């Protein structure tokens, strides 16, 4: 069994920032001032919503991307490119279909210039370690998703990494397969049967993070900044039903769903620069209806709700965020509760729901109110969507600006604040069919 030295730093990120250039030459800030240390013997989980820059940060750590500013040190030395001692397991398996299991695992060693006999010996040992003995000559198409991901782990471990990076490595697997692979990985880690001295796990699964990690780092969005760090003082193996485990899960949910409120406790209208979450009106209505019904009766524990509805963070959090923006629900202490307005919406008929939604959109979503105001002021009460895209590109990338605008357009159309003709990209107060021919 290898001895670890918890006082030794494997990785240091010092005030790392990263921007990407937009087509107009402006900079879009993705990461801002991220500082993080990973020590020997640690499993650190990195959590954040979509758009928080988790994958970008992982690529910077691995040397595949350079930071715009700040410093990345691995074993005390600057990372300026791919580094020996770091390996990554990807979400999508990333196997070459024309190579066998053995050949896929050997690839990393081949790139390092390892001699053929040694390469074969180490690859066979890694395949055996990860539980795929007997499948050396199989091709990826012959394997299940879980077995393909085991090949990904074997390929990463065969280079004997000091630091293992995992980019949502279990998210593409079914629940039972993912659980089995997590259990196998933690056993290998605890028994020191792998040379790895530290693991950085990017995940969108909160229970997975609490189950595996010694420390959880939560990233905010737009741009990505560290919002909080939580130590997990639990011994392995961990019991998901233990009160302390559930409390930690609740705490993470609370931190990741927390939004700023005014001194009076009210949710403020989100500014034009706010990254509106992707949540359709139908999804929001269905979620509120489910929350209002038995057994929740308007209030639910978020981890329990996510489990019973089969949601992960990427699916659940946009709905929660949208409902809180619109003041139809609020999250607190790891719970979600319908507001009186949310309850009124659920209890109303189709037409009254539109009235309630229209009032909340115009009051709480600055972008929707801005679109309506511009249309009201324009001759003919019409405006091209490009006019609003240019404004949003001051805050977002082109792709993200388009996504945010489409969210606002869908909410505004449902609320009947304006109409939209997709072919021409025109927003108006008229029925699109009545003016398209006149453009």
Foldseek 3Di string as FASTA:
>chain_A
DDDFDQVFWFKWWFQFWAWDAFPVRDTATAAGGATDTWGFQFEEEEAEEPSQCPVVVVCCQQFVDPTPDTFMDGSRHTRNHHDQQEFEQEQVLPADQVQFLLVRLLVVVVVVVHDPVVSSVLLQVLCVLLPNPPRRGPGPVVDDPLSSSSSSVSSRQSSQHQEYEYEQSLVVDDPVSSVVSLVSVVVCSVVVVTNHRYYYYYHQALLSRLQDGQKYWYFYHLHTYTDDMDGNPDDPRDDCPDPSNLLSSLVVLQSRQDDDDDPVRARAADDLLDQQFDDFPVRLLVVLLVCCDPPNVFKDQQVVVCVVVVHTNNRPRNSSNNCRLLQQWDDHSRMIGGDPLVVVLNVDDLVVVLQSLLVSCCRRYHLLVVLLVVLVPDVQSKDAVVVSLVVNVVRRHSVSSVSSVVRSQNSNVSSLSWDADVVRRMIGNDDCVVCPVVD
